[in-house]
PDB file of N, CA and C in Angstrom:
ATOM      1  N   MET A   1     181.109  53.205 -44.300  1.00  0.00           N
ATOM      2  CA  MET A   1     180.688  54.563 -44.088  1.00  0.00           C
ATOM      3  C   MET A   1     180.501  54.791 -42.587  1.00  0.00           C
ATOM      4  N   ALA A   2     181.082  55.827 -42.067  1.00  0.00           N
ATOM      5  CA  ALA A   2     180.935  56.165 -40.654  1.00  0.00           C
ATOM      6  C   ALA A   2     179.636  56.945 -40.470  1.00  0.00           C
ATOM      7  N   PHE A   3     178.898  56.616 -39.438  1.00  0.00           N
ATOM      8  CA  PHE A   3     177.629  57.284 -39.156  1.00  0.00           C
ATOM      9  C   PHE A   3     177.517  57.502 -37.657  1.00  0.00           C
ATOM     10  N   THR A   4     177.244  58.723 -37.251  1.00  0.00           N
ATOM     11  CA  THR A   4     177.034  59.045 -35.849  1.00  0.00           C
ATOM     12  C   THR A   4     175.661  59.691 -35.704  1.00  0.00           C
ATOM     13  N   PRO A   5     174.772  59.082 -34.915  1.00  0.00           N
ATOM     14  CA  PRO A   5     173.451  59.676 -34.703  1.00  0.00           C
ATOM     15  C   PRO A   5     173.562  60.992 -33.929  1.00  0.00           C
ATOM     16  N   LEU A   6     172.590  61.839 -34.110  1.00  0.00           N
ATOM     17  CA  LEU A   6     172.562  63.115 -33.403  1.00  0.00           C
ATOM     18  C   LEU A   6     171.638  63.058 -32.195  1.00  0.00           C
ATOM     19  N   HIS A   7     171.920  63.901 -31.229  1.00  0.00           N
ATOM     20  CA  HIS A   7     171.104  64.102 -30.030  1.00  0.00           C
ATOM     21  C   HIS A   7     170.864  62.794 -29.279  1.00  0.00           C
ATOM     22  N   ASP A   8     169.588  62.421 -29.066  1.00  0.00           N
ATOM     23  CA  ASP A   8     169.284  61.220 -28.276  1.00  0.00           C
ATOM     24  C   ASP A   8     168.897  60.040 -29.168  1.00  0.00           C
ATOM     25  N   ARG A   9     169.486  59.995 -30.358  1.00  0.00           N
ATOM     26  CA  ARG A   9     169.196  58.893 -31.275  1.00  0.00           C
ATOM     27  C   ARG A   9     170.266  57.811 -31.171  1.00  0.00           C
ATOM     28  N   VAL A  10     169.854  56.590 -31.550  1.00  0.00           N
ATOM     29  CA  VAL A  10     170.700  55.410 -31.424  1.00  0.00           C
ATOM     30  C   VAL A  10     170.648  54.638 -32.741  1.00  0.00           C
ATOM     31  N   LEU A  11     171.807  54.156 -33.203  1.00  0.00           N
ATOM     32  CA  LEU A  11     171.881  53.294 -34.376  1.00  0.00           C
ATOM     33  C   LEU A  11     171.925  51.854 -33.890  1.00  0.00           C
ATOM     34  N   VAL A  12     170.981  51.018 -34.376  1.00  0.00           N
ATOM     35  CA  VAL A  12     170.816  49.660 -33.876  1.00  0.00           C
ATOM     36  C   VAL A  12     170.866  48.666 -35.032  1.00  0.00           C
ATOM     37  N   GLU A  13     171.558  47.545 -34.806  1.00  0.00           N
ATOM     38  CA  GLU A  13     171.544  46.432 -35.751  1.00  0.00           C
ATOM     39  C   GLU A  13     170.681  45.341 -35.139  1.00  0.00           C
ATOM     40  N   ARG A  14     169.671  44.892 -35.892  1.00  0.00           N
ATOM     41  CA  ARG A  14     168.779  43.843 -35.386  1.00  0.00           C
ATOM     42  C   ARG A  14     169.543  42.543 -35.153  1.00  0.00           C
ATOM     43  N   VAL A  15     169.101  41.785 -34.142  1.00  0.00           N
ATOM     44  CA  VAL A  15     169.630  40.461 -33.867  1.00  0.00           C
ATOM     45  C   VAL A  15     168.619  39.483 -34.451  1.00  0.00           C
ATOM     46  N   GLU A  16     169.076  38.605 -35.325  1.00  0.00           N
ATOM     47  CA  GLU A  16     168.175  37.653 -35.972  1.00  0.00           C
ATOM     48  C   GLU A  16     167.636  36.652 -34.971  1.00  0.00           C
ATOM     49  N   SER A  17     166.366  36.298 -35.134  1.00  0.00           N
ATOM     50  CA  SER A  17     165.728  35.342 -34.231  1.00  0.00           C
ATOM     51  C   SER A  17     166.049  33.910 -34.654  1.00  0.00           C
ATOM     52  N   GLU A  18     165.767  32.993 -33.754  1.00  0.00           N
ATOM     53  CA  GLU A  18     166.002  31.575 -34.014  1.00  0.00           C
ATOM     54  C   GLU A  18     165.102  31.095 -35.142  1.00  0.00           C
ATOM     55  N   GLU A  19     165.592  30.139 -35.928  1.00  0.00           N
ATOM     56  CA  GLU A  19     164.800  29.590 -37.016  1.00  0.00           C
ATOM     57  C   GLU A  19     164.003  28.373 -36.581  1.00  0.00           C
ATOM     58  N   LYS A  20     164.193  27.939 -35.323  1.00  0.00           N
ATOM     59  CA  LYS A  20     163.444  26.809 -34.784  1.00  0.00           C
ATOM     60  C   LYS A  20     162.792  27.215 -33.471  1.00  0.00           C
ATOM     61  N   THR A  21     161.654  26.594 -33.181  1.00  0.00           N
ATOM     62  CA  THR A  21     161.024  26.813 -31.886  1.00  0.00           C
ATOM     63  C   THR A  21     161.722  25.931 -30.858  1.00  0.00           C
ATOM     64  N   THR A  22     161.388  26.111 -29.603  1.00  0.00           N
ATOM     65  CA  THR A  22     162.002  25.284 -28.569  1.00  0.00           C
ATOM     66  C   THR A  22     161.610  23.818 -28.727  1.00  0.00           C
ATOM     67  N   GLY A  23     160.453  23.563 -29.373  1.00  0.00           N
ATOM     68  CA  GLY A  23     160.017  22.199 -29.629  1.00  0.00           C
ATOM     69  C   GLY A  23     160.656  21.578 -30.857  1.00  0.00           C
ATOM     70  N   GLY A  24     161.447  22.365 -31.603  1.00  0.00           N
ATOM     71  CA  GLY A  24     162.164  21.844 -32.757  1.00  0.00           C
ATOM     72  C   GLY A  24     161.509  22.113 -34.098  1.00  0.00           C
ATOM     73  N   LEU A  25     160.378  22.845 -34.105  1.00  0.00           N
ATOM     74  CA  LEU A  25     159.727  23.159 -35.376  1.00  0.00           C
ATOM     75  C   LEU A  25     160.485  24.262 -36.096  1.00  0.00           C
ATOM     76  N   ILE A  26     160.637  24.126 -37.403  1.00  0.00           N
ATOM     77  CA  ILE A  26     161.320  25.140 -38.203  1.00  0.00           C
ATOM     78  C   ILE A  26     160.306  26.201 -38.614  1.00  0.00           C
ATOM     79  N   ILE A  27     160.662  27.454 -38.399  1.00  0.00           N
ATOM     80  CA  ILE A  27     159.781  28.569 -38.734  1.00  0.00           C
ATOM     81  C   ILE A  27     160.111  29.047 -40.146  1.00  0.00           C
ATOM     82  N   PRO A  28     159.150  29.015 -41.080  1.00  0.00           N
ATOM     83  CA  PRO A  28     159.427  29.496 -42.434  1.00  0.00           C
ATOM     84  C   PRO A  28     159.582  31.019 -42.458  1.00  0.00           C
ATOM     85  N   ASP A  29     160.323  31.540 -43.448  1.00  0.00           N
ATOM     86  CA  ASP A  29     160.563  32.978 -43.551  1.00  0.00           C
ATOM     87  C   ASP A  29     159.270  33.783 -43.601  1.00  0.00           C
ATOM     88  N   SER A  30     158.244  33.235 -44.248  1.00  0.00           N
ATOM     89  CA  SER A  30     156.984  33.972 -44.385  1.00  0.00           C
ATOM     90  C   SER A  30     156.272  34.156 -43.051  1.00  0.00           C
ATOM     91  N   ALA A  31     156.572  33.330 -42.068  1.00  0.00           N
ATOM     92  CA  ALA A  31     155.909  33.410 -40.764  1.00  0.00           C
ATOM     93  C   ALA A  31     156.732  34.154 -39.720  1.00  0.00           C
ATOM     94  N   LYS A  32     157.971  34.482 -40.059  1.00  0.00           N
ATOM     95  CA  LYS A  32     158.838  35.155 -39.084  1.00  0.00           C
ATOM     96  C   LYS A  32     158.453  36.619 -38.942  1.00  0.00           C
ATOM     97  N   GLU A  33     158.550  37.101 -37.728  1.00  0.00           N
ATOM     98  CA  GLU A  33     158.395  38.531 -37.479  1.00  0.00           C
ATOM     99  C   GLU A  33     159.784  39.136 -37.363  1.00  0.00           C
ATOM    100  N   LYS A  34     159.873  40.424 -37.655  1.00  0.00           N
ATOM    101  CA  LYS A  34     161.158  41.082 -37.472  1.00  0.00           C
ATOM    102  C   LYS A  34     161.470  41.100 -35.987  1.00  0.00           C
ATOM    103  N   PRO A  35     162.705  40.792 -35.629  1.00  0.00           N
ATOM    104  CA  PRO A  35     163.044  40.745 -34.206  1.00  0.00           C
ATOM    105  C   PRO A  35     162.987  42.115 -33.559  1.00  0.00           C
ATOM    106  N   ALA A  36     162.640  42.122 -32.284  1.00  0.00           N
ATOM    107  CA  ALA A  36     162.587  43.361 -31.518  1.00  0.00           C
ATOM    108  C   ALA A  36     163.787  43.461 -30.592  1.00  0.00           C
ATOM    109  N   GLU A  37     164.848  42.718 -30.934  1.00  0.00           N
ATOM    110  CA  GLU A  37     166.107  42.794 -30.197  1.00  0.00           C
ATOM    111  C   GLU A  37     167.173  43.309 -31.131  1.00  0.00           C
ATOM    112  N   GLY A  38     168.149  43.992 -30.565  1.00  0.00           N
ATOM    113  CA  GLY A  38     169.229  44.491 -31.379  1.00  0.00           C
ATOM    114  C   GLY A  38     170.449  44.822 -30.545  1.00  0.00           C
ATOM    115  N   VAL A  39     171.504  45.190 -31.252  1.00  0.00           N
ATOM    116  CA  VAL A  39     172.746  45.606 -30.614  1.00  0.00           C
ATOM    117  C   VAL A  39     172.994  47.055 -30.997  1.00  0.00           C
ATOM    118  N   VAL A  40     173.309  47.877 -30.002  1.00  0.00           N
ATOM    119  CA  VAL A  40     173.585  49.290 -30.243  1.00  0.00           C
ATOM    120  C   VAL A  40     174.927  49.411 -30.952  1.00  0.00           C
ATOM    121  N   VAL A  41     174.919  50.045 -32.124  1.00  0.00           N
ATOM    122  CA  VAL A  41     176.126  50.231 -32.920  1.00  0.00           C
ATOM    123  C   VAL A  41     176.760  51.585 -32.620  1.00  0.00           C
ATOM    124  N   SER A  42     175.921  52.601 -32.453  1.00  0.00           N
ATOM    125  CA  SER A  42     176.423  53.948 -32.221  1.00  0.00           C
ATOM    126  C   SER A  42     175.358  54.758 -31.486  1.00  0.00           C
ATOM    127  N   VAL A  43     175.793  55.699 -30.652  1.00  0.00           N
ATOM    128  CA  VAL A  43     174.857  56.554 -29.911  1.00  0.00           C
ATOM    129  C   VAL A  43     175.212  58.021 -30.122  1.00  0.00           C
ATOM    130  N   GLY A  44     174.197  58.864 -30.043  1.00  0.00           N
ATOM    131  CA  GLY A  44     174.414  60.299 -30.129  1.00  0.00           C
ATOM    132  C   GLY A  44     174.948  60.844 -28.815  1.00  0.00           C
ATOM    133  N   ALA A  45     175.194  62.140 -28.782  1.00  0.00           N
ATOM    134  CA  ALA A  45     175.759  62.776 -27.583  1.00  0.00           C
ATOM    135  C   ALA A  45     174.731  62.969 -26.481  1.00  0.00           C
ATOM    136  N   GLY A  46     173.451  62.863 -26.804  1.00  0.00           N
ATOM    137  CA  GLY A  46     172.391  63.062 -25.823  1.00  0.00           C
ATOM    138  C   GLY A  46     171.642  64.352 -26.094  1.00  0.00           C
ATOM    139  N   ALA A  47     170.391  64.376 -25.693  1.00  0.00           N
ATOM    140  CA  ALA A  47     169.570  65.569 -25.867  1.00  0.00           C
ATOM    141  C   ALA A  47     170.011  66.638 -24.867  1.00  0.00           C
ATOM    142  N   LYS A  48     169.510  67.853 -25.065  1.00  0.00           N
ATOM    143  CA  LYS A  48     169.809  68.940 -24.128  1.00  0.00           C
ATOM    144  C   LYS A  48     168.555  69.275 -23.344  1.00  0.00           C
ATOM    145  N   ASP A  49     168.740  69.590 -22.052  1.00  0.00           N
ATOM    146  CA  ASP A  49     167.605  69.993 -21.236  1.00  0.00           C
ATOM    147  C   ASP A  49     167.325  71.476 -21.439  1.00  0.00           C
ATOM    148  N   ASP A  50     166.388  72.022 -20.674  1.00  0.00           N
ATOM    149  CA  ASP A  50     165.987  73.420 -20.832  1.00  0.00           C
ATOM    150  C   ASP A  50     167.116  74.401 -20.546  1.00  0.00           C
ATOM    151  N   ASP A  51     168.101  73.992 -19.743  1.00  0.00           N
ATOM    152  CA  ASP A  51     169.230  74.860 -19.409  1.00  0.00           C
ATOM    153  C   ASP A  51     170.368  74.734 -20.412  1.00  0.00           C
ATOM    154  N   GLY A  52     170.234  73.821 -21.378  1.00  0.00           N
ATOM    155  CA  GLY A  52     171.284  73.626 -22.373  1.00  0.00           C
ATOM    156  C   GLY A  52     172.318  72.588 -21.991  1.00  0.00           C
ATOM    157  N   ASP A  53     172.111  71.911 -20.857  1.00  0.00           N
ATOM    158  CA  ASP A  53     173.038  70.860 -20.416  1.00  0.00           C
ATOM    159  C   ASP A  53     172.672  69.540 -21.081  1.00  0.00           C
ATOM    160  N   ARG A  54     173.682  68.736 -21.407  1.00  0.00           N
ATOM    161  CA  ARG A  54     173.459  67.424 -22.035  1.00  0.00           C
ATOM    162  C   ARG A  54     172.861  66.442 -21.035  1.00  0.00           C
ATOM    163  N   ILE A  55     171.891  65.673 -21.512  1.00  0.00           N
ATOM    164  CA  ILE A  55     171.328  64.580 -20.732  1.00  0.00           C
ATOM    165  C   ILE A  55     172.065  63.327 -21.183  1.00  0.00           C
ATOM    166  N   THR A  56     172.766  62.677 -20.262  1.00  0.00           N
ATOM    167  CA  THR A  56     173.577  61.521 -20.649  1.00  0.00           C
ATOM    168  C   THR A  56     172.693  60.363 -21.089  1.00  0.00           C
ATOM    169  N   MET A  57     173.213  59.597 -22.040  1.00  0.00           N
ATOM    170  CA  MET A  57     172.486  58.457 -22.580  1.00  0.00           C
ATOM    171  C   MET A  57     172.625  57.266 -21.625  1.00  0.00           C
ATOM    172  N   ASP A  58     171.555  56.467 -21.508  1.00  0.00           N
ATOM    173  CA  ASP A  58     171.575  55.285 -20.649  1.00  0.00           C
ATOM    174  C   ASP A  58     172.146  54.067 -21.371  1.00  0.00           C
ATOM    175  N   VAL A  59     172.151  54.090 -22.706  1.00  0.00           N
ATOM    176  CA  VAL A  59     172.703  52.970 -23.471  1.00  0.00           C
ATOM    177  C   VAL A  59     174.056  53.356 -24.044  1.00  0.00           C
ATOM    178  N   LYS A  60     174.853  52.333 -24.357  1.00  0.00           N
ATOM    179  CA  LYS A  60     176.166  52.584 -24.952  1.00  0.00           C
ATOM    180  C   LYS A  60     176.390  51.566 -26.062  1.00  0.00           C
ATOM    181  N   GLU A  61     177.418  51.786 -26.854  1.00  0.00           N
ATOM    182  CA  GLU A  61     177.750  50.871 -27.943  1.00  0.00           C
ATOM    183  C   GLU A  61     177.961  49.466 -27.389  1.00  0.00           C
ATOM    184  N   GLY A  62     177.401  48.477 -28.089  1.00  0.00           N
ATOM    185  CA  GLY A  62     177.566  47.088 -27.684  1.00  0.00           C
ATOM    186  C   GLY A  62     176.460  46.555 -26.801  1.00  0.00           C
ATOM    187  N   ASP A  63     175.600  47.428 -26.252  1.00  0.00           N
ATOM    188  CA  ASP A  63     174.490  46.963 -25.424  1.00  0.00           C
ATOM    189  C   ASP A  63     173.492  46.189 -26.273  1.00  0.00           C
ATOM    190  N   LYS A  64     172.988  45.068 -25.737  1.00  0.00           N
ATOM    191  CA  LYS A  64     171.918  44.316 -26.388  1.00  0.00           C
ATOM    192  C   LYS A  64     170.612  44.847 -25.815  1.00  0.00           C
ATOM    193  N   ILE A  65     169.711  45.279 -26.697  1.00  0.00           N
ATOM    194  CA  ILE A  65     168.515  45.980 -26.241  1.00  0.00           C
ATOM    195  C   ILE A  65     167.236  45.323 -26.755  1.00  0.00           C
ATOM    196  N   LEU A  66     166.130  45.704 -26.136  1.00  0.00           N
ATOM    197  CA  LEU A  66     164.805  45.305 -26.549  1.00  0.00           C
ATOM    198  C   LEU A  66     164.049  46.583 -26.887  1.00  0.00           C
ATOM    199  N   PHE A  67     163.379  46.597 -28.045  1.00  0.00           N
ATOM    200  CA  PHE A  67     162.668  47.800 -28.467  1.00  0.00           C
ATOM    201  C   PHE A  67     161.296  47.431 -29.001  1.00  0.00           C
ATOM    202  N   GLY A  68     160.440  48.427 -29.173  1.00  0.00           N
ATOM    203  CA  GLY A  68     159.085  48.209 -29.665  1.00  0.00           C
ATOM    204  C   GLY A  68     159.065  47.693 -31.092  1.00  0.00           C
ATOM    205  N   LYS A  69     158.013  46.963 -31.414  1.00  0.00           N
ATOM    206  CA  LYS A  69     157.874  46.318 -32.715  1.00  0.00           C
ATOM    207  C   LYS A  69     157.933  47.317 -33.870  1.00  0.00           C
ATOM    208  N   TRP A  70     157.363  48.489 -33.700  1.00  0.00           N
ATOM    209  CA  TRP A  70     157.303  49.475 -34.776  1.00  0.00           C
ATOM    210  C   TRP A  70     158.274  50.637 -34.541  1.00  0.00           C
ATOM    211  N   SER A  71     159.254  50.466 -33.693  1.00  0.00           N
ATOM    212  CA  SER A  71     160.194  51.532 -33.355  1.00  0.00           C
ATOM    213  C   SER A  71     161.212  51.763 -34.457  1.00  0.00           C
ATOM    214  N   GLY A  72     161.646  52.987 -34.570  1.00  0.00           N
ATOM    215  CA  GLY A  72     162.770  53.324 -35.428  1.00  0.00           C
ATOM    216  C   GLY A  72     162.459  53.488 -36.900  1.00  0.00           C
ATOM    217  N   THR A  73     163.463  53.964 -37.605  1.00  0.00           N
ATOM    218  CA  THR A  73     163.424  54.151 -39.048  1.00  0.00           C
ATOM    219  C   THR A  73     164.468  53.249 -39.663  1.00  0.00           C
ATOM    220  N   GLU A  74     164.052  52.428 -40.620  1.00  0.00           N
ATOM    221  CA  GLU A  74     164.985  51.497 -41.251  1.00  0.00           C
ATOM    222  C   GLU A  74     165.843  52.216 -42.286  1.00  0.00           C
ATOM    223  N   ILE A  75     167.147  51.942 -42.233  1.00  0.00           N
ATOM    224  CA  ILE A  75     168.086  52.475 -43.217  1.00  0.00           C
ATOM    225  C   ILE A  75     169.046  51.352 -43.617  1.00  0.00           C
ATOM    226  N   THR A  76     169.785  51.569 -44.688  1.00  0.00           N
ATOM    227  CA  THR A  76     170.814  50.626 -45.116  1.00  0.00           C
ATOM    228  C   THR A  76     172.154  51.349 -45.105  1.00  0.00           C
ATOM    229  N   LEU A  77     173.104  50.823 -44.340  1.00  0.00           N
ATOM    230  CA  LEU A  77     174.459  51.370 -44.278  1.00  0.00           C
ATOM    231  C   LEU A  77     175.434  50.272 -44.639  1.00  0.00           C
ATOM    232  N   ASP A  78     176.257  50.497 -45.631  1.00  0.00           N
ATOM    233  CA  ASP A  78     177.254  49.515 -46.067  1.00  0.00           C
ATOM    234  C   ASP A  78     176.621  48.147 -46.328  1.00  0.00           C
ATOM    235  N   GLY A  79     175.420  48.144 -46.894  1.00  0.00           N
ATOM    236  CA  GLY A  79     174.742  46.901 -47.230  1.00  0.00           C
ATOM    237  C   GLY A  79     174.054  46.202 -46.071  1.00  0.00           C
ATOM    238  N   LYS A  80     174.058  46.799 -44.882  1.00  0.00           N
ATOM    239  CA  LYS A  80     173.413  46.194 -43.709  1.00  0.00           C
ATOM    240  C   LYS A  80     172.140  46.961 -43.368  1.00  0.00           C
ATOM    241  N   GLU A  81     171.101  46.212 -43.004  1.00  0.00           N
ATOM    242  CA  GLU A  81     169.857  46.826 -42.547  1.00  0.00           C
ATOM    243  C   GLU A  81     170.048  47.289 -41.102  1.00  0.00           C
ATOM    244  N   MET A  82     169.788  48.553 -40.847  1.00  0.00           N
ATOM    245  CA  MET A  82     169.945  49.129 -39.511  1.00  0.00           C
ATOM    246  C   MET A  82     168.687  49.910 -39.155  1.00  0.00           C
ATOM    247  N   LEU A  83     168.575  50.290 -37.901  1.00  0.00           N
ATOM    248  CA  LEU A  83     167.489  51.123 -37.411  1.00  0.00           C
ATOM    249  C   LEU A  83     168.066  52.342 -36.714  1.00  0.00           C
ATOM    250  N   ILE A  84     167.426  53.479 -36.920  1.00  0.00           N
ATOM    251  CA  ILE A  84     167.741  54.674 -36.137  1.00  0.00           C
ATOM    252  C   ILE A  84     166.507  54.943 -35.295  1.00  0.00           C
ATOM    253  N   MET A  85     166.691  55.052 -33.979  1.00  0.00           N
ATOM    254  CA  MET A  85     165.556  55.304 -33.096  1.00  0.00           C
ATOM    255  C   MET A  85     165.975  56.222 -31.960  1.00  0.00           C
ATOM    256  N   LYS A  86     164.974  56.819 -31.338  1.00  0.00           N
ATOM    257  CA  LYS A  86     165.253  57.622 -30.154  1.00  0.00           C
ATOM    258  C   LYS A  86     165.492  56.694 -28.984  1.00  0.00           C
ATOM    259  N   GLU A  87     166.277  57.152 -28.046  1.00  0.00           N
ATOM    260  CA  GLU A  87     166.564  56.326 -26.867  1.00  0.00           C
ATOM    261  C   GLU A  87     165.272  55.983 -26.115  1.00  0.00           C
ATOM    262  N   SER A  88     164.293  56.851 -26.152  1.00  0.00           N
ATOM    263  CA  SER A  88     163.033  56.604 -25.446  1.00  0.00           C
ATOM    264  C   SER A  88     162.235  55.442 -26.051  1.00  0.00           C
ATOM    265  N   ASP A  89     162.561  55.026 -27.300  1.00  0.00           N
ATOM    266  CA  ASP A  89     161.908  53.878 -27.930  1.00  0.00           C
ATOM    267  C   ASP A  89     162.457  52.544 -27.406  1.00  0.00           C
ATOM    268  N   ILE A  90     163.581  52.615 -26.706  1.00  0.00           N
ATOM    269  CA  ILE A  90     164.210  51.406 -26.179  1.00  0.00           C
ATOM    270  C   ILE A  90     163.549  51.052 -24.844  1.00  0.00           C
ATOM    271  N   MET A  91     163.094  49.784 -24.740  1.00  0.00           N
ATOM    272  CA  MET A  91     162.395  49.344 -23.531  1.00  0.00           C
ATOM    273  C   MET A  91     163.350  48.900 -22.441  1.00  0.00           C
ATOM    274  N   GLY A  92     164.524  48.383 -22.816  1.00  0.00           N
ATOM    275  CA  GLY A  92     165.454  47.952 -21.795  1.00  0.00           C
ATOM    276  C   GLY A  92     166.714  47.328 -22.382  1.00  0.00           C
ATOM    277  N   ILE A  93     167.683  47.112 -21.509  1.00  0.00           N
ATOM    278  CA  ILE A  93     168.956  46.507 -21.863  1.00  0.00           C
ATOM    279  C   ILE A  93     168.918  45.056 -21.386  1.00  0.00           C
ATOM    280  N   ILE A  94     169.274  44.129 -22.282  1.00  0.00           N
ATOM    281  CA  ILE A  94     169.290  42.710 -21.941  1.00  0.00           C
ATOM    282  C   ILE A  94     170.660  42.362 -21.375  1.00  0.00           C
ATOM    283  N   ALA A  95     170.679  41.806 -20.183  1.00  0.00           N
ATOM    284  CA  ALA A  95     171.946  41.476 -19.526  1.00  0.00           C
ATOM    285  C   ALA A  95     172.492  40.152 -20.005  1.00  0.00           C
TER     286      ALA A  95
END
């Protein structure tokens, strides 16, 4: 299913976290937190300013991002868990 977010919204797929700590301990599923990293799947055209001009988006498809723990709305598209969030919920792009 094709999905394009509107305005300044972004469709994000979460990036799964490591199942082991750096010390080699295995983290059980019950102790894992949902990751706050993701990959941008699709972006909207951008919000409009007071004059009606588009404000360009700072993120693009394929960017790896960091977002707030409670950011976005969870949806399921084609059997995949995704998030829709405003661009302002994104804290930064991971290089």
